[in-house]
Amino acid sequence: MNSGTPKLAATPGQTVGPFYGYALPYNKDNELLAPGSAGSVRLQGTVYDGAGHTIPDAILEIWQPDAEGRIVQRTGSLVRDGYTFTGWGRGSVGHSGVYTFTTVNPGPTEPGAAAFISVAVFARGLMNRLFTRVYLPENEEALAADPLLSSLDPERRQTLIARRDADGGLTWDVRLQGEGETVFLDFE
């Protein structure tokens, strides 16, 4: 049956952003745990474009298990009371292209598995957010056995593994394209 109504054409895609300061940030959005509290670590890095320039207006979201590898499954991911670990955070990149989160070292979700943090990147020029992971550098055996990491050549694999800093924090840079491009995941 034809109703005589013409089909509507899809509207063209739009790039991600710009982001307006009144809508996305919230108090302590990048603090999954209070800085300086027992077990807290800093995850930081820089977001680069394909030309190697820093991107001053990206947003990163992270999801992760707690230190024992448990996935937080209760409501309230925006809670920032200083002691409740929610497993989710959002951090804006500053003018220098640097992001910072205060979180915990995630535990492996299964015995012998590699511990990682899931990441979504939102930045100007992207049609959709990009998904990736950042793995903790410890436990070489688990990293070698990880299905995703073991499917990559060694040079690409390194784009997903953080560096452990002298103070115990983690540094992991995001390169959106070009030389050293971070491995991004395709979810359909």
N, C-alpha and C. Protein backbone atom coordinates (compact mmCIF):
# COMPACT_ATOMS: atom_id res chain seq x y z
N MET A 1 0.84 -1.16 0.00
CA MET A 1 0.00 0.00 0.00
C MET A 1 0.89 1.24 0.00
N ASN A 2 0.62 2.17 -0.87
CA ASN A 2 1.40 3.39 -0.98
C ASN A 2 0.55 4.55 -0.48
N SER A 3 1.04 5.23 0.53
CA SER A 3 0.27 6.34 1.09
C SER A 3 0.44 7.62 0.29
N GLY A 4 1.35 7.60 -0.69
CA GLY A 4 1.58 8.79 -1.48
C GLY A 4 2.54 9.77 -0.82
N THR A 5 2.98 9.45 0.39
CA THR A 5 3.93 10.32 1.08
C THR A 5 5.34 10.02 0.59
N PRO A 6 6.06 11.02 0.13
CA PRO A 6 7.42 10.76 -0.36
C PRO A 6 8.34 10.35 0.79
N LYS A 7 9.33 9.50 0.44
CA LYS A 7 10.33 9.11 1.43
C LYS A 7 11.19 10.32 1.78
N LEU A 8 11.53 10.43 3.03
CA LEU A 8 12.38 11.53 3.47
C LEU A 8 13.84 11.13 3.32
N ALA A 9 14.64 12.04 2.86
CA ALA A 9 16.07 11.79 2.71
C ALA A 9 16.76 11.99 4.06
N ALA A 10 17.77 11.19 4.29
CA ALA A 10 18.55 11.34 5.51
C ALA A 10 19.30 12.66 5.49
N THR A 11 19.43 13.27 6.65
CA THR A 11 20.20 14.51 6.72
C THR A 11 21.68 14.16 6.69
N PRO A 12 22.51 15.07 6.20
CA PRO A 12 23.94 14.78 6.13
C PRO A 12 24.55 14.66 7.53
N GLY A 13 25.62 13.88 7.62
CA GLY A 13 26.31 13.72 8.90
C GLY A 13 26.98 15.01 9.32
N GLN A 14 27.19 15.13 10.59
CA GLN A 14 27.87 16.29 11.16
C GLN A 14 29.10 15.80 11.91
N THR A 15 30.09 16.63 12.00
CA THR A 15 31.27 16.25 12.77
C THR A 15 30.98 16.40 14.26
N VAL A 16 31.78 15.73 15.06
CA VAL A 16 31.64 15.81 16.51
C VAL A 16 32.08 17.20 16.97
N GLY A 17 31.30 17.83 17.85
CA GLY A 17 31.68 19.13 18.38
C GLY A 17 31.26 20.24 17.44
N PRO A 18 31.48 21.51 17.76
CA PRO A 18 32.23 21.94 18.94
C PRO A 18 31.44 21.66 20.21
N PHE A 19 32.17 21.58 21.30
CA PHE A 19 31.55 21.31 22.59
C PHE A 19 31.35 22.63 23.33
N TYR A 20 30.21 22.77 23.92
CA TYR A 20 29.90 23.99 24.65
C TYR A 20 30.02 23.71 26.14
N GLY A 21 30.73 24.56 26.83
CA GLY A 21 31.08 24.35 28.22
C GLY A 21 29.94 24.17 29.18
N TYR A 22 28.76 24.60 28.84
CA TYR A 22 27.66 24.50 29.78
C TYR A 22 26.99 23.13 29.78
N ALA A 23 27.24 22.31 28.80
CA ALA A 23 26.47 21.07 28.66
C ALA A 23 27.20 19.81 29.10
N LEU A 24 28.48 19.70 28.84
CA LEU A 24 29.15 18.42 29.07
C LEU A 24 29.91 18.29 30.37
N PRO A 25 30.69 19.27 30.78
CA PRO A 25 31.47 19.07 32.01
C PRO A 25 30.58 19.07 33.24
N TYR A 26 31.03 18.39 34.27
CA TYR A 26 30.38 18.46 35.56
C TYR A 26 31.47 18.37 36.61
N ASN A 27 31.16 18.70 37.82
CA ASN A 27 32.15 18.77 38.89
C ASN A 27 32.89 17.44 39.07
N LYS A 28 34.20 17.48 39.00
CA LYS A 28 35.08 16.32 39.21
C LYS A 28 34.84 15.22 38.18
N ASP A 29 34.48 15.60 36.96
CA ASP A 29 34.16 14.61 35.93
C ASP A 29 35.32 13.68 35.59
N ASN A 30 36.55 14.13 35.77
CA ASN A 30 37.71 13.30 35.45
C ASN A 30 38.30 12.62 36.69
N GLU A 31 37.62 12.71 37.82
CA GLU A 31 38.09 12.09 39.06
C GLU A 31 37.20 10.90 39.40
N LEU A 32 37.60 9.70 38.96
CA LEU A 32 36.86 8.50 39.30
C LEU A 32 37.10 8.14 40.76
N LEU A 33 38.14 8.69 41.30
CA LEU A 33 38.53 8.54 42.69
C LEU A 33 39.19 9.86 43.09
N ALA A 34 39.06 10.24 44.34
CA ALA A 34 39.66 11.51 44.76
C ALA A 34 41.18 11.45 44.66
N PRO A 35 41.81 12.49 44.10
CA PRO A 35 43.27 12.50 44.03
C PRO A 35 43.89 12.35 45.42
N GLY A 36 44.92 11.54 45.50
CA GLY A 36 45.60 11.33 46.77
C GLY A 36 44.98 10.27 47.65
N SER A 37 43.82 9.74 47.27
CA SER A 37 43.21 8.70 48.09
C SER A 37 43.92 7.37 47.85
N ALA A 38 43.77 6.46 48.78
CA ALA A 38 44.46 5.16 48.70
C ALA A 38 44.12 4.47 47.39
N GLY A 39 45.14 4.03 46.67
CA GLY A 39 44.94 3.31 45.42
C GLY A 39 44.75 4.16 44.19
N SER A 40 44.71 5.49 44.36
CA SER A 40 44.47 6.34 43.18
C SER A 40 45.73 6.45 42.33
N VAL A 41 45.54 6.51 41.03
CA VAL A 41 46.62 6.74 40.07
C VAL A 41 46.16 7.79 39.07
N ARG A 42 47.14 8.43 38.46
CA ARG A 42 46.85 9.43 37.44
C ARG A 42 47.03 8.78 36.06
N LEU A 43 46.06 8.92 35.21
CA LEU A 43 46.17 8.55 33.80
C LEU A 43 46.18 9.87 33.04
N GLN A 44 47.26 10.10 32.29
CA GLN A 44 47.36 11.36 31.55
C GLN A 44 47.98 11.12 30.20
N GLY A 45 47.79 12.06 29.32
CA GLY A 45 48.39 11.98 28.00
C GLY A 45 48.01 13.18 27.17
N THR A 46 48.42 13.13 25.92
CA THR A 46 48.18 14.22 24.98
C THR A 46 47.45 13.67 23.77
N VAL A 47 46.52 14.44 23.23
CA VAL A 47 45.79 14.06 22.02
C VAL A 47 46.37 14.84 20.85
N TYR A 48 46.77 14.10 19.79
CA TYR A 48 47.40 14.70 18.61
C TYR A 48 46.55 14.46 17.36
N ASP A 49 46.61 15.40 16.42
CA ASP A 49 45.97 15.20 15.12
C ASP A 49 46.96 14.53 14.17
N GLY A 50 46.58 14.38 12.92
CA GLY A 50 47.41 13.69 11.94
C GLY A 50 48.70 14.40 11.60
N ALA A 51 48.76 15.71 11.81
CA ALA A 51 49.97 16.48 11.54
C ALA A 51 50.90 16.54 12.74
N GLY A 52 50.49 15.90 13.84
CA GLY A 52 51.31 15.92 15.04
C GLY A 52 51.07 17.11 15.95
N HIS A 53 50.03 17.91 15.65
CA HIS A 53 49.68 19.05 16.49
C HIS A 53 48.74 18.59 17.59
N THR A 54 48.85 19.22 18.74
CA THR A 54 47.93 18.88 19.83
C THR A 54 46.53 19.39 19.50
N ILE A 55 45.55 18.69 20.02
CA ILE A 55 44.15 19.07 19.83
C ILE A 55 43.65 19.65 21.15
N PRO A 56 43.30 20.94 21.18
CA PRO A 56 42.97 21.58 22.44
C PRO A 56 41.52 21.42 22.90
N ASP A 57 40.69 20.75 22.13
CA ASP A 57 39.27 20.73 22.49
C ASP A 57 38.62 19.36 22.37
N ALA A 58 39.38 18.31 22.57
CA ALA A 58 38.81 16.96 22.54
C ALA A 58 38.23 16.62 23.91
N ILE A 59 37.42 15.58 23.92
CA ILE A 59 36.87 15.03 25.17
C ILE A 59 37.12 13.53 25.15
N LEU A 60 37.58 12.99 26.27
CA LEU A 60 37.77 11.56 26.42
C LEU A 60 36.83 11.05 27.50
N GLU A 61 36.24 9.89 27.25
CA GLU A 61 35.47 9.19 28.28
C GLU A 61 36.14 7.85 28.52
N ILE A 62 36.18 7.44 29.79
CA ILE A 62 36.75 6.14 30.12
C ILE A 62 35.75 5.32 30.92
N TRP A 63 35.82 4.01 30.72
CA TRP A 63 35.06 3.04 31.49
C TRP A 63 36.04 1.96 31.90
N GLN A 64 35.94 1.49 33.12
CA GLN A 64 36.90 0.49 33.56
C GLN A 64 36.39 -0.28 34.77
N PRO A 65 36.96 -1.47 35.00
CA PRO A 65 36.65 -2.19 36.23
C PRO A 65 37.42 -1.58 37.40
N ASP A 66 37.05 -2.00 38.60
CA ASP A 66 37.77 -1.54 39.78
C ASP A 66 39.09 -2.31 39.91
N ALA A 67 39.81 -2.10 40.98
CA ALA A 67 41.14 -2.71 41.15
C ALA A 67 41.08 -4.23 41.23
N GLU A 68 39.93 -4.78 41.59
CA GLU A 68 39.77 -6.24 41.66
C GLU A 68 39.23 -6.83 40.36
N GLY A 69 39.00 -5.99 39.36
CA GLY A 69 38.50 -6.48 38.08
C GLY A 69 36.99 -6.57 38.00
N ARG A 70 36.30 -6.03 38.98
CA ARG A 70 34.83 -6.05 38.98
C ARG A 70 34.30 -4.86 38.18
N ILE A 71 33.34 -5.14 37.31
CA ILE A 71 32.67 -4.08 36.56
C ILE A 71 31.58 -3.48 37.45
N VAL A 72 31.62 -2.18 37.65
CA VAL A 72 30.62 -1.51 38.46
C VAL A 72 29.29 -1.60 37.73
N GLN A 73 28.27 -2.12 38.42
CA GLN A 73 26.97 -2.33 37.77
C GLN A 73 25.83 -1.68 38.52
N ARG A 74 26.13 -0.63 39.23
CA ARG A 74 25.05 0.08 39.92
C ARG A 74 24.89 1.46 39.28
N THR A 75 23.76 2.06 39.52
CA THR A 75 23.51 3.38 38.95
C THR A 75 24.33 4.43 39.69
N GLY A 76 24.47 5.57 39.08
CA GLY A 76 25.16 6.67 39.73
C GLY A 76 26.56 6.91 39.23
N SER A 77 26.79 6.76 37.93
CA SER A 77 28.15 6.93 37.40
C SER A 77 28.65 8.36 37.51
N LEU A 78 27.76 9.31 37.76
CA LEU A 78 28.18 10.70 37.92
C LEU A 78 28.50 11.04 39.37
N VAL A 79 28.32 10.10 40.28
CA VAL A 79 28.59 10.34 41.70
C VAL A 79 30.07 10.67 41.87
N ARG A 80 30.37 11.74 42.55
CA ARG A 80 31.75 12.11 42.87
C ARG A 80 31.78 12.54 44.33
N ASP A 81 31.72 11.56 45.22
CA ASP A 81 31.68 11.86 46.65
C ASP A 81 33.01 11.64 47.34
N GLY A 82 34.06 11.31 46.61
CA GLY A 82 35.38 11.15 47.19
C GLY A 82 35.74 9.74 47.59
N TYR A 83 34.76 8.83 47.62
CA TYR A 83 35.09 7.46 48.01
C TYR A 83 34.38 6.39 47.18
N THR A 84 33.34 6.73 46.44
CA THR A 84 32.63 5.77 45.62
C THR A 84 33.28 5.69 44.25
N PHE A 85 33.81 4.52 43.90
CA PHE A 85 34.39 4.33 42.57
C PHE A 85 33.29 3.90 41.63
N THR A 86 33.09 4.66 40.54
CA THR A 86 31.97 4.38 39.63
C THR A 86 32.39 3.73 38.33
N GLY A 87 33.68 3.76 37.99
CA GLY A 87 34.15 3.12 36.77
C GLY A 87 33.97 3.93 35.51
N TRP A 88 33.45 5.16 35.61
CA TRP A 88 33.23 5.99 34.42
C TRP A 88 33.69 7.41 34.70
N GLY A 89 34.31 8.02 33.70
CA GLY A 89 34.72 9.41 33.82
C GLY A 89 34.79 10.08 32.47
N ARG A 90 34.76 11.40 32.51
CA ARG A 90 34.86 12.21 31.29
C ARG A 90 35.88 13.31 31.56
N GLY A 91 36.78 13.50 30.63
CA GLY A 91 37.78 14.54 30.81
C GLY A 91 37.95 15.38 29.56
N SER A 92 37.94 16.67 29.74
CA SER A 92 38.20 17.59 28.63
C SER A 92 39.69 17.76 28.47
N VAL A 93 40.11 17.92 27.24
CA VAL A 93 41.51 18.18 26.94
C VAL A 93 41.74 19.68 27.08
N GLY A 94 42.82 20.05 27.74
CA GLY A 94 43.13 21.47 27.93
C GLY A 94 43.73 22.10 26.68
N HIS A 95 44.06 23.38 26.78
CA HIS A 95 44.62 24.12 25.64
C HIS A 95 45.90 23.50 25.10
N SER A 96 46.64 22.81 25.96
CA SER A 96 47.90 22.19 25.53
C SER A 96 47.69 20.80 24.95
N GLY A 97 46.43 20.34 24.88
CA GLY A 97 46.13 19.02 24.33
C GLY A 97 46.23 17.90 25.34
N VAL A 98 46.43 18.24 26.61
CA VAL A 98 46.65 17.24 27.66
C VAL A 98 45.35 16.93 28.39
N TYR A 99 45.12 15.65 28.66
CA TYR A 99 44.00 15.20 29.49
C TYR A 99 44.56 14.55 30.75
N THR A 100 43.76 14.48 31.79
CA THR A 100 44.16 13.83 33.04
C THR A 100 42.93 13.21 33.69
N PHE A 101 43.09 11.98 34.17
CA PHE A 101 42.08 11.32 34.99
C PHE A 101 42.73 10.87 36.28
N THR A 102 41.97 10.87 37.36
CA THR A 102 42.40 10.22 38.59
C THR A 102 41.51 9.00 38.74
N THR A 103 42.11 7.83 38.79
CA THR A 103 41.36 6.58 38.79
C THR A 103 42.12 5.53 39.59
N VAL A 104 41.84 4.28 39.36
CA VAL A 104 42.59 3.17 39.97
C VAL A 104 43.19 2.34 38.84
N ASN A 105 44.21 1.56 39.17
CA ASN A 105 44.69 0.58 38.22
C ASN A 105 43.61 -0.48 38.10
N PRO A 106 43.04 -0.68 36.92
CA PRO A 106 41.99 -1.69 36.80
C PRO A 106 42.56 -3.09 36.96
N GLY A 107 41.79 -3.95 37.58
CA GLY A 107 42.19 -5.35 37.66
C GLY A 107 41.71 -6.09 36.43
N PRO A 108 42.29 -7.25 36.15
CA PRO A 108 41.80 -8.05 35.03
C PRO A 108 40.39 -8.57 35.32
N THR A 109 39.54 -8.59 34.31
CA THR A 109 38.16 -9.03 34.50
C THR A 109 38.04 -10.55 34.54
N GLU A 110 39.09 -11.25 34.11
CA GLU A 110 39.14 -12.71 34.17
C GLU A 110 40.55 -13.10 34.61
N PRO A 111 40.71 -14.24 35.27
CA PRO A 111 42.06 -14.67 35.66
C PRO A 111 42.98 -14.78 34.45
N GLY A 112 44.15 -14.18 34.55
CA GLY A 112 45.13 -14.24 33.47
C GLY A 112 44.92 -13.26 32.34
N ALA A 113 43.83 -12.49 32.38
CA ALA A 113 43.55 -11.52 31.31
C ALA A 113 44.37 -10.25 31.51
N ALA A 114 44.57 -9.52 30.44
CA ALA A 114 45.27 -8.23 30.51
C ALA A 114 44.30 -7.16 31.01
N ALA A 115 44.76 -6.33 31.92
CA ALA A 115 43.94 -5.25 32.46
C ALA A 115 43.95 -4.06 31.49
N PHE A 116 42.78 -3.48 31.25
CA PHE A 116 42.70 -2.33 30.35
C PHE A 116 41.57 -1.40 30.76
N ILE A 117 41.63 -0.21 30.19
CA ILE A 117 40.60 0.81 30.35
C ILE A 117 40.01 1.07 28.97
N SER A 118 38.69 1.08 28.85
CA SER A 118 38.03 1.41 27.59
C SER A 118 37.96 2.93 27.45
N VAL A 119 38.18 3.42 26.23
CA VAL A 119 38.25 4.86 25.98
C VAL A 119 37.40 5.22 24.76
N ALA A 120 36.68 6.33 24.86
CA ALA A 120 36.01 6.93 23.71
C ALA A 120 36.59 8.32 23.52
N VAL A 121 36.90 8.66 22.28
CA VAL A 121 37.50 9.95 21.95
C VAL A 121 36.51 10.74 21.10
N PHE A 122 36.23 11.96 21.51
CA PHE A 122 35.40 12.89 20.76
C PHE A 122 36.30 14.07 20.39
N ALA A 123 36.34 14.43 19.11
CA ALA A 123 37.19 15.55 18.70
C ALA A 123 36.65 16.17 17.43
N ARG A 124 37.03 17.42 17.21
CA ARG A 124 36.61 18.12 15.99
C ARG A 124 37.09 17.35 14.77
N GLY A 125 36.27 17.38 13.75
CA GLY A 125 36.63 16.70 12.51
C GLY A 125 36.22 15.24 12.46
N LEU A 126 35.81 14.67 13.57
CA LEU A 126 35.38 13.27 13.59
C LEU A 126 33.88 13.19 13.32
N MET A 127 33.49 12.26 12.48
CA MET A 127 32.06 12.06 12.23
C MET A 127 31.40 11.30 13.38
N ASN A 128 32.15 10.46 14.04
CA ASN A 128 31.66 9.68 15.18
C ASN A 128 32.77 9.60 16.21
N ARG A 129 32.40 9.28 17.43
CA ARG A 129 33.43 9.07 18.44
C ARG A 129 34.26 7.85 18.06
N LEU A 130 35.46 7.81 18.56
CA LEU A 130 36.36 6.69 18.31
C LEU A 130 36.53 5.88 19.58
N PHE A 131 36.50 4.56 19.45
CA PHE A 131 36.66 3.67 20.59
C PHE A 131 38.04 3.03 20.55
N THR A 132 38.65 2.89 21.71
CA THR A 132 39.94 2.23 21.81
C THR A 132 40.11 1.70 23.23
N ARG A 133 41.29 1.23 23.52
CA ARG A 133 41.62 0.73 24.85
C ARG A 133 43.01 1.22 25.23
N VAL A 134 43.24 1.33 26.52
CA VAL A 134 44.59 1.56 27.03
C VAL A 134 44.88 0.43 28.02
N TYR A 135 45.92 -0.32 27.74
CA TYR A 135 46.32 -1.45 28.57
C TYR A 135 47.39 -1.04 29.56
N LEU A 136 47.36 -1.64 30.75
CA LEU A 136 48.44 -1.45 31.70
C LEU A 136 49.68 -2.18 31.21
N PRO A 137 50.87 -1.61 31.43
CA PRO A 137 52.08 -2.19 30.85
C PRO A 137 52.59 -3.44 31.57
N GLU A 138 52.10 -3.71 32.75
CA GLU A 138 52.57 -4.88 33.49
C GLU A 138 51.95 -6.16 32.94
N ASN A 139 52.47 -7.28 33.34
CA ASN A 139 51.99 -8.62 32.99
C ASN A 139 52.13 -8.90 31.49
N GLU A 140 53.40 -9.03 31.08
CA GLU A 140 53.73 -9.30 29.67
C GLU A 140 53.02 -10.54 29.14
N GLU A 141 52.88 -11.56 29.98
CA GLU A 141 52.24 -12.80 29.54
C GLU A 141 50.77 -12.56 29.17
N ALA A 142 50.07 -11.80 30.01
CA ALA A 142 48.66 -11.49 29.71
C ALA A 142 48.54 -10.60 28.48
N LEU A 143 49.45 -9.65 28.32
CA LEU A 143 49.42 -8.78 27.14
C LEU A 143 49.64 -9.60 25.87
N ALA A 144 50.58 -10.55 25.92
CA ALA A 144 50.87 -11.38 24.74
C ALA A 144 49.70 -12.29 24.39
N ALA A 145 48.91 -12.68 25.39
CA ALA A 145 47.78 -13.59 25.15
C ALA A 145 46.47 -12.87 24.84
N ASP A 146 46.43 -11.55 25.01
CA ASP A 146 45.20 -10.81 24.77
C ASP A 146 44.79 -10.92 23.30
N PRO A 147 43.53 -11.29 23.03
CA PRO A 147 43.10 -11.48 21.64
C PRO A 147 43.28 -10.24 20.75
N LEU A 148 42.97 -9.07 21.26
CA LEU A 148 43.14 -7.86 20.45
C LEU A 148 44.62 -7.57 20.22
N LEU A 149 45.39 -7.52 21.28
CA LEU A 149 46.81 -7.18 21.14
C LEU A 149 47.56 -8.19 20.29
N SER A 150 47.24 -9.47 20.46
CA SER A 150 47.97 -10.49 19.70
C SER A 150 47.60 -10.48 18.21
N SER A 151 46.52 -9.80 17.85
CA SER A 151 46.14 -9.71 16.43
C SER A 151 46.85 -8.56 15.71
N LEU A 152 47.60 -7.76 16.45
CA LEU A 152 48.26 -6.58 15.89
C LEU A 152 49.76 -6.80 15.75
N ASP A 153 50.37 -6.11 14.78
CA ASP A 153 51.82 -6.18 14.70
C ASP A 153 52.40 -5.38 15.88
N PRO A 154 53.63 -5.67 16.29
CA PRO A 154 54.20 -5.06 17.51
C PRO A 154 54.15 -3.53 17.52
N GLU A 155 54.40 -2.90 16.39
CA GLU A 155 54.39 -1.43 16.36
C GLU A 155 53.00 -0.88 16.65
N ARG A 156 51.97 -1.48 16.07
CA ARG A 156 50.59 -1.03 16.31
C ARG A 156 50.15 -1.37 17.73
N ARG A 157 50.58 -2.50 18.23
CA ARG A 157 50.23 -2.93 19.58
C ARG A 157 50.66 -1.88 20.61
N GLN A 158 51.83 -1.29 20.39
CA GLN A 158 52.36 -0.32 21.35
C GLN A 158 51.49 0.92 21.49
N THR A 159 50.65 1.21 20.51
CA THR A 159 49.78 2.39 20.60
C THR A 159 48.68 2.20 21.64
N LEU A 160 48.51 0.99 22.13
CA LEU A 160 47.46 0.70 23.11
C LEU A 160 47.99 0.46 24.52
N ILE A 161 49.30 0.49 24.69
CA ILE A 161 49.89 0.17 26.00
C ILE A 161 50.46 1.44 26.62
N ALA A 162 50.00 1.74 27.83
CA ALA A 162 50.46 2.93 28.55
C ALA A 162 51.89 2.74 29.06
N ARG A 163 52.53 3.85 29.37
CA ARG A 163 53.84 3.83 30.03
C ARG A 163 53.60 4.10 31.51
N ARG A 164 54.31 3.35 32.35
CA ARG A 164 54.21 3.57 33.80
C ARG A 164 55.22 4.65 34.18
N ASP A 165 54.75 5.70 34.83
CA ASP A 165 55.62 6.79 35.25
C ASP A 165 56.31 6.45 36.57
N ALA A 166 57.36 7.18 36.90
CA ALA A 166 58.12 6.94 38.12
C ALA A 166 57.25 7.07 39.37
N ASP A 167 56.23 7.92 39.32
CA ASP A 167 55.36 8.11 40.49
C ASP A 167 54.21 7.10 40.53
N GLY A 168 54.20 6.13 39.60
CA GLY A 168 53.15 5.12 39.58
C GLY A 168 51.99 5.44 38.66
N GLY A 169 51.94 6.66 38.14
CA GLY A 169 50.88 7.04 37.22
C GLY A 169 51.09 6.41 35.85
N LEU A 170 50.15 6.67 34.96
CA LEU A 170 50.20 6.13 33.60
C LEU A 170 50.18 7.27 32.59
N THR A 171 50.97 7.14 31.54
CA THR A 171 50.94 8.11 30.44
C THR A 171 50.59 7.35 29.17
N TRP A 172 49.59 7.87 28.45
CA TRP A 172 49.14 7.25 27.20
C TRP A 172 48.65 8.35 26.27
N ASP A 173 49.31 8.49 25.13
CA ASP A 173 48.94 9.50 24.14
C ASP A 173 48.01 8.92 23.09
N VAL A 174 47.16 9.78 22.55
CA VAL A 174 46.21 9.41 21.50
C VAL A 174 46.63 10.14 20.22
N ARG A 175 46.84 9.39 19.16
CA ARG A 175 47.15 9.97 17.85
C ARG A 175 46.00 9.58 16.91
N LEU A 176 45.27 10.59 16.44
CA LEU A 176 44.06 10.33 15.67
C LEU A 176 44.32 9.80 14.27
N GLN A 177 45.47 10.10 13.70
CA GLN A 177 45.83 9.56 12.38
C GLN A 177 47.31 9.80 12.15
N GLY A 178 47.81 9.27 11.05
CA GLY A 178 49.20 9.49 10.69
C GLY A 178 50.14 8.50 11.38
N GLU A 179 51.42 8.86 11.40
CA GLU A 179 52.44 8.00 11.99
C GLU A 179 52.12 7.74 13.46
N GLY A 180 52.15 6.48 13.86
CA GLY A 180 51.87 6.12 15.24
C GLY A 180 50.40 6.22 15.62
N GLU A 181 49.51 6.21 14.61
CA GLU A 181 48.07 6.32 14.87
C GLU A 181 47.63 5.27 15.88
N THR A 182 46.86 5.70 16.86
CA THR A 182 46.30 4.80 17.85
C THR A 182 45.38 3.80 17.16
N VAL A 183 45.39 2.56 17.61
CA VAL A 183 44.46 1.56 17.09
C VAL A 183 43.07 1.89 17.63
N PHE A 184 42.10 2.02 16.72
CA PHE A 184 40.72 2.27 17.11
C PHE A 184 39.89 1.05 16.75
N LEU A 185 38.83 0.83 17.51
CA LEU A 185 37.98 -0.35 17.37
C LEU A 185 36.71 0.02 16.62
N ASP A 186 36.23 -0.89 15.80
CA ASP A 186 35.03 -0.67 15.00
C ASP A 186 33.89 -1.49 15.59
N PHE A 187 32.94 -0.82 16.22
CA PHE A 187 31.76 -1.48 16.76
C PHE A 187 30.59 -1.18 15.85
N GLU A 188 29.95 -2.22 15.35
CA GLU A 188 28.80 -2.01 14.47
C GLU A 188 27.56 -2.58 15.08
